[in-house]
Amino acid sequence: MLDAAAMALFLWDRYLSARLSYGQARALLDEHTAVRGPGTGWDLHEYRHPSLTHLGEQGASLLMLMAKSGHKKPENVRRYFKPSPEAIAEVTSLLAPGDSRRWPTTSAGA
């Protein structure tokens, strides 16, 4: 986990009130997380999987995930979306509300 100083890095330049470029954000993240010298810190690209997964688990549509990630093809964004077992269980529970161990039965006359 990041310490409080690194968590305060929000990709915004406090002095100019302008959004940082990807390169600037990457350099700041590396500066605050490098333990063996420059270039050894965390990389922003590492956050693509967890951020897209979190957004997807919260209900973001495939089109929204594509817009956020900049992917043009659904198959490209899909490789970044890795739902947790809990998220899969939650969506599965929608099939049988109240009891995820049984399938609903139908009456013979239906």
N, C-alpha and C. Protein backbone atom coordinates (compact mmCIF):
# COMPACT_ATOMS: atom_id res chain seq x y z
N MET A 1 0.83 -1.18 0.00
CA MET A 1 0.00 0.00 0.00
C MET A 1 0.88 1.25 0.00
N LEU A 2 0.37 2.28 -0.57
CA LEU A 2 1.08 3.54 -0.58
C LEU A 2 0.94 4.24 0.77
N ASP A 3 1.96 5.05 1.13
CA ASP A 3 1.82 5.84 2.34
C ASP A 3 0.96 7.07 2.04
N ALA A 4 0.69 7.86 3.07
CA ALA A 4 -0.21 9.01 2.92
C ALA A 4 0.29 10.00 1.88
N ALA A 5 1.60 10.22 1.83
CA ALA A 5 2.15 11.18 0.86
C ALA A 5 1.91 10.71 -0.57
N ALA A 6 2.14 9.43 -0.81
CA ALA A 6 1.93 8.90 -2.15
C ALA A 6 0.45 8.84 -2.50
N MET A 7 -0.41 8.57 -1.51
CA MET A 7 -1.85 8.54 -1.77
C MET A 7 -2.37 9.92 -2.15
N ALA A 8 -1.68 10.98 -1.74
CA ALA A 8 -2.12 12.34 -2.04
C ALA A 8 -1.81 12.75 -3.48
N LEU A 9 -1.15 11.89 -4.22
CA LEU A 9 -0.82 12.17 -5.61
C LEU A 9 -2.06 11.96 -6.46
N PHE A 10 -2.69 13.03 -6.92
CA PHE A 10 -3.96 12.94 -7.62
C PHE A 10 -3.90 13.25 -9.10
N LEU A 11 -2.75 13.31 -9.69
CA LEU A 11 -2.60 13.60 -11.11
C LEU A 11 -3.02 15.03 -11.46
N TRP A 12 -2.95 15.92 -10.53
CA TRP A 12 -3.23 17.33 -10.77
C TRP A 12 -2.05 18.15 -10.26
N ASP A 13 -1.64 19.12 -11.02
CA ASP A 13 -0.56 20.00 -10.61
C ASP A 13 -1.16 21.06 -9.68
N ARG A 14 -0.76 21.06 -8.44
CA ARG A 14 -1.34 21.98 -7.45
C ARG A 14 -1.04 23.44 -7.76
N TYR A 15 0.10 23.69 -8.38
CA TYR A 15 0.51 25.07 -8.58
C TYR A 15 -0.11 25.70 -9.83
N LEU A 16 -0.31 24.93 -10.84
CA LEU A 16 -0.86 25.46 -12.08
C LEU A 16 -2.33 25.13 -12.26
N SER A 17 -2.86 24.29 -11.40
CA SER A 17 -4.25 23.82 -11.51
C SER A 17 -4.53 23.22 -12.87
N ALA A 18 -3.54 22.58 -13.43
CA ALA A 18 -3.69 21.93 -14.73
C ALA A 18 -3.49 20.43 -14.56
N ARG A 19 -4.12 19.68 -15.41
CA ARG A 19 -3.98 18.23 -15.36
C ARG A 19 -2.56 17.84 -15.79
N LEU A 20 -1.99 16.91 -15.07
CA LEU A 20 -0.65 16.43 -15.42
C LEU A 20 -0.73 15.53 -16.65
N SER A 21 0.34 15.54 -17.41
CA SER A 21 0.43 14.61 -18.53
C SER A 21 0.70 13.21 -17.99
N TYR A 22 0.51 12.21 -18.83
CA TYR A 22 0.78 10.83 -18.42
C TYR A 22 2.24 10.70 -17.98
N GLY A 23 3.15 11.32 -18.73
CA GLY A 23 4.57 11.25 -18.40
C GLY A 23 4.90 11.89 -17.07
N GLN A 24 4.27 13.05 -16.78
CA GLN A 24 4.49 13.72 -15.50
C GLN A 24 3.96 12.88 -14.35
N ALA A 25 2.77 12.33 -14.53
CA ALA A 25 2.18 11.50 -13.48
C ALA A 25 3.02 10.26 -13.24
N ARG A 26 3.50 9.67 -14.32
CA ARG A 26 4.33 8.47 -14.20
C ARG A 26 5.62 8.78 -13.45
N ALA A 27 6.25 9.93 -13.76
CA ALA A 27 7.49 10.32 -13.09
C ALA A 27 7.25 10.56 -11.60
N LEU A 28 6.14 11.23 -11.25
CA LEU A 28 5.83 11.47 -9.84
C LEU A 28 5.57 10.17 -9.09
N LEU A 29 4.84 9.26 -9.70
CA LEU A 29 4.56 7.98 -9.06
C LEU A 29 5.86 7.21 -8.84
N ASP A 30 6.73 7.21 -9.84
CA ASP A 30 8.01 6.52 -9.71
C ASP A 30 8.84 7.16 -8.60
N GLU A 31 8.85 8.48 -8.56
CA GLU A 31 9.62 9.21 -7.54
C GLU A 31 9.18 8.84 -6.13
N HIS A 32 7.88 8.66 -5.93
CA HIS A 32 7.35 8.38 -4.59
C HIS A 32 7.35 6.89 -4.23
N THR A 33 7.59 6.02 -5.19
CA THR A 33 7.54 4.59 -4.89
C THR A 33 8.84 3.86 -5.18
N ALA A 34 9.81 4.53 -5.80
CA ALA A 34 11.07 3.88 -6.14
C ALA A 34 11.86 3.56 -4.87
N VAL A 35 12.31 2.33 -4.76
CA VAL A 35 13.10 1.93 -3.59
C VAL A 35 14.54 1.60 -3.97
N ARG A 36 14.79 1.33 -5.23
CA ARG A 36 16.14 1.00 -5.69
C ARG A 36 16.61 1.99 -6.77
N GLY A 37 16.21 3.24 -6.63
CA GLY A 37 16.63 4.26 -7.58
C GLY A 37 15.58 4.54 -8.63
N PRO A 38 15.80 5.59 -9.43
CA PRO A 38 14.84 5.97 -10.47
C PRO A 38 14.52 4.81 -11.41
N GLY A 39 13.26 4.72 -11.77
CA GLY A 39 12.83 3.67 -12.69
C GLY A 39 12.45 2.37 -12.01
N THR A 40 12.53 2.32 -10.68
CA THR A 40 12.20 1.07 -9.98
C THR A 40 10.86 1.15 -9.26
N GLY A 41 10.18 2.28 -9.37
CA GLY A 41 8.90 2.45 -8.68
C GLY A 41 7.75 1.84 -9.46
N TRP A 42 6.56 2.11 -8.97
CA TRP A 42 5.36 1.58 -9.61
C TRP A 42 5.13 2.27 -10.94
N ASP A 43 4.42 1.61 -11.82
CA ASP A 43 4.11 2.15 -13.14
C ASP A 43 2.60 2.36 -13.23
N LEU A 44 2.17 3.48 -13.80
CA LEU A 44 0.74 3.75 -13.94
C LEU A 44 0.02 2.64 -14.69
N HIS A 45 0.71 2.00 -15.62
CA HIS A 45 0.07 0.94 -16.40
C HIS A 45 -0.40 -0.21 -15.51
N GLU A 46 0.27 -0.40 -14.37
CA GLU A 46 -0.13 -1.46 -13.43
C GLU A 46 -1.54 -1.25 -12.89
N TYR A 47 -2.05 -0.03 -12.95
CA TYR A 47 -3.36 0.28 -12.41
C TYR A 47 -4.50 0.06 -13.40
N ARG A 48 -4.20 -0.28 -14.65
CA ARG A 48 -5.25 -0.49 -15.64
C ARG A 48 -6.14 -1.66 -15.25
N HIS A 49 -5.54 -2.79 -14.87
CA HIS A 49 -6.34 -3.96 -14.50
C HIS A 49 -7.25 -3.68 -13.30
N PRO A 50 -6.69 -3.24 -12.16
CA PRO A 50 -7.57 -3.03 -11.01
C PRO A 50 -8.58 -1.91 -11.22
N SER A 51 -8.21 -0.84 -11.92
CA SER A 51 -9.17 0.25 -12.08
C SER A 51 -10.31 -0.14 -13.01
N LEU A 52 -10.01 -0.81 -14.12
CA LEU A 52 -11.08 -1.24 -15.02
C LEU A 52 -11.92 -2.34 -14.37
N THR A 53 -11.30 -3.21 -13.60
CA THR A 53 -12.05 -4.25 -12.89
C THR A 53 -12.99 -3.61 -11.88
N HIS A 54 -12.50 -2.65 -11.11
CA HIS A 54 -13.34 -1.98 -10.11
C HIS A 54 -14.52 -1.28 -10.78
N LEU A 55 -14.25 -0.55 -11.86
CA LEU A 55 -15.34 0.14 -12.56
C LEU A 55 -16.36 -0.85 -13.10
N GLY A 56 -15.89 -1.96 -13.66
CA GLY A 56 -16.80 -2.98 -14.19
C GLY A 56 -17.63 -3.62 -13.09
N GLU A 57 -17.00 -3.91 -11.95
CA GLU A 57 -17.73 -4.50 -10.83
C GLU A 57 -18.77 -3.54 -10.25
N GLN A 58 -18.54 -2.25 -10.44
CA GLN A 58 -19.50 -1.25 -9.96
C GLN A 58 -20.60 -0.98 -10.98
N GLY A 59 -20.56 -1.67 -12.11
CA GLY A 59 -21.65 -1.57 -13.08
C GLY A 59 -21.36 -0.76 -14.33
N ALA A 60 -20.13 -0.31 -14.52
CA ALA A 60 -19.81 0.44 -15.74
C ALA A 60 -20.01 -0.48 -16.95
N SER A 61 -20.59 0.07 -17.99
CA SER A 61 -20.84 -0.71 -19.21
C SER A 61 -19.53 -0.94 -19.96
N LEU A 62 -19.56 -1.91 -20.86
CA LEU A 62 -18.39 -2.18 -21.69
C LEU A 62 -18.01 -0.93 -22.49
N LEU A 63 -19.00 -0.22 -23.01
CA LEU A 63 -18.71 1.00 -23.77
C LEU A 63 -18.03 2.05 -22.89
N MET A 64 -18.47 2.17 -21.64
CA MET A 64 -17.85 3.14 -20.73
C MET A 64 -16.42 2.71 -20.39
N LEU A 65 -16.20 1.41 -20.19
CA LEU A 65 -14.84 0.92 -19.93
C LEU A 65 -13.94 1.18 -21.12
N MET A 66 -14.48 1.01 -22.32
CA MET A 66 -13.71 1.28 -23.54
C MET A 66 -13.36 2.76 -23.63
N ALA A 67 -14.31 3.63 -23.31
CA ALA A 67 -14.06 5.07 -23.36
C ALA A 67 -13.00 5.46 -22.33
N LYS A 68 -13.10 4.91 -21.13
CA LYS A 68 -12.16 5.24 -20.06
C LYS A 68 -10.75 4.76 -20.38
N SER A 69 -10.64 3.57 -20.94
CA SER A 69 -9.32 2.99 -21.20
C SER A 69 -8.73 3.41 -22.54
N GLY A 70 -9.59 3.93 -23.43
CA GLY A 70 -9.09 4.33 -24.75
C GLY A 70 -9.02 3.19 -25.75
N HIS A 71 -9.59 2.05 -25.41
CA HIS A 71 -9.59 0.92 -26.34
C HIS A 71 -10.69 1.08 -27.37
N LYS A 72 -10.40 0.67 -28.59
CA LYS A 72 -11.39 0.74 -29.67
C LYS A 72 -12.14 -0.57 -29.84
N LYS A 73 -11.55 -1.67 -29.41
CA LYS A 73 -12.15 -2.99 -29.59
C LYS A 73 -12.51 -3.60 -28.23
N PRO A 74 -13.72 -4.17 -28.12
CA PRO A 74 -14.13 -4.79 -26.85
C PRO A 74 -13.17 -5.88 -26.38
N GLU A 75 -12.62 -6.65 -27.30
CA GLU A 75 -11.72 -7.74 -26.88
C GLU A 75 -10.46 -7.22 -26.20
N ASN A 76 -10.05 -5.99 -26.53
CA ASN A 76 -8.86 -5.44 -25.88
C ASN A 76 -9.13 -5.02 -24.44
N VAL A 77 -10.30 -4.42 -24.19
CA VAL A 77 -10.61 -4.01 -22.81
C VAL A 77 -10.96 -5.22 -21.95
N ARG A 78 -11.47 -6.26 -22.56
CA ARG A 78 -11.85 -7.46 -21.79
C ARG A 78 -10.65 -8.10 -21.10
N ARG A 79 -9.48 -8.02 -21.69
CA ARG A 79 -8.33 -8.66 -21.04
C ARG A 79 -7.89 -7.91 -19.79
N TYR A 80 -8.35 -6.68 -19.62
CA TYR A 80 -8.03 -5.93 -18.41
C TYR A 80 -9.07 -6.12 -17.31
N PHE A 81 -10.23 -6.64 -17.66
CA PHE A 81 -11.32 -6.80 -16.69
C PHE A 81 -11.23 -8.18 -16.07
N LYS A 82 -10.89 -8.25 -14.79
CA LYS A 82 -10.71 -9.51 -14.06
C LYS A 82 -11.59 -9.48 -12.81
N PRO A 83 -12.88 -9.83 -12.94
CA PRO A 83 -13.77 -9.75 -11.77
C PRO A 83 -13.36 -10.74 -10.68
N SER A 84 -13.58 -10.32 -9.45
CA SER A 84 -13.25 -11.16 -8.30
C SER A 84 -14.28 -12.28 -8.16
N PRO A 85 -13.93 -13.36 -7.45
CA PRO A 85 -14.92 -14.42 -7.18
C PRO A 85 -16.16 -13.88 -6.46
N GLU A 86 -15.96 -12.89 -5.58
CA GLU A 86 -17.10 -12.30 -4.88
C GLU A 86 -18.04 -11.58 -5.84
N ALA A 87 -17.47 -10.86 -6.81
CA ALA A 87 -18.30 -10.14 -7.79
C ALA A 87 -19.06 -11.13 -8.67
N ILE A 88 -18.42 -12.23 -9.03
CA ILE A 88 -19.09 -13.26 -9.84
C ILE A 88 -20.22 -13.90 -9.03
N ALA A 89 -19.96 -14.18 -7.75
CA ALA A 89 -21.00 -14.76 -6.89
C ALA A 89 -22.17 -13.79 -6.73
N GLU A 90 -21.87 -12.50 -6.60
CA GLU A 90 -22.94 -11.51 -6.44
C GLU A 90 -23.83 -11.45 -7.68
N VAL A 91 -23.24 -11.44 -8.85
CA VAL A 91 -24.05 -11.38 -10.07
C VAL A 91 -24.79 -12.70 -10.28
N THR A 92 -24.20 -13.82 -9.88
CA THR A 92 -24.87 -15.11 -9.98
C THR A 92 -26.08 -15.16 -9.06
N SER A 93 -25.99 -14.51 -7.91
CA SER A 93 -27.11 -14.52 -6.97
C SER A 93 -28.34 -13.83 -7.53
N LEU A 94 -28.18 -13.02 -8.55
CA LEU A 94 -29.33 -12.36 -9.18
C LEU A 94 -30.24 -13.38 -9.88
N LEU A 95 -29.70 -14.55 -10.20
CA LEU A 95 -30.49 -15.59 -10.87
C LEU A 95 -31.51 -16.21 -9.93
N ALA A 96 -31.21 -16.26 -8.64
CA ALA A 96 -32.13 -16.86 -7.66
C ALA A 96 -32.13 -16.00 -6.40
N PRO A 97 -32.81 -14.85 -6.43
CA PRO A 97 -32.81 -13.98 -5.25
C PRO A 97 -33.30 -14.72 -4.00
N GLY A 98 -32.62 -14.51 -2.91
CA GLY A 98 -33.02 -15.13 -1.65
C GLY A 98 -32.33 -16.45 -1.38
N ASP A 99 -31.96 -17.18 -2.40
CA ASP A 99 -31.28 -18.47 -2.20
C ASP A 99 -30.47 -18.78 -3.45
N SER A 100 -29.18 -18.57 -3.38
CA SER A 100 -28.33 -18.80 -4.54
C SER A 100 -27.98 -20.27 -4.73
N ARG A 101 -28.48 -21.16 -3.83
CA ARG A 101 -28.17 -22.59 -3.95
C ARG A 101 -29.18 -23.34 -4.80
N ARG A 102 -30.34 -22.75 -5.09
CA ARG A 102 -31.39 -23.45 -5.84
C ARG A 102 -31.81 -22.63 -7.05
N TRP A 103 -32.26 -23.32 -8.04
CA TRP A 103 -32.89 -22.67 -9.18
C TRP A 103 -34.38 -22.57 -8.88
N PRO A 104 -35.04 -21.52 -9.31
CA PRO A 104 -36.48 -21.43 -9.09
C PRO A 104 -37.20 -22.53 -9.86
N THR A 105 -38.26 -23.05 -9.26
CA THR A 105 -39.03 -24.10 -9.93
C THR A 105 -40.20 -23.48 -10.66
N THR A 106 -40.66 -24.16 -11.69
CA THR A 106 -41.83 -23.69 -12.43
C THR A 106 -42.97 -24.65 -12.16
N SER A 107 -44.17 -24.13 -12.23
CA SER A 107 -45.33 -25.00 -12.00
C SER A 107 -45.61 -25.80 -13.27
N ALA A 108 -46.25 -26.95 -13.11
CA ALA A 108 -46.52 -27.84 -14.24
C ALA A 108 -47.46 -27.19 -15.24
N GLY A 109 -48.32 -26.29 -14.79
CA GLY A 109 -49.28 -25.68 -15.69
C GLY A 109 -48.73 -24.48 -16.44
N ALA A 110 -47.53 -24.08 -16.16
CA ALA A 110 -47.00 -22.87 -16.78
C ALA A 110 -46.47 -23.12 -18.15
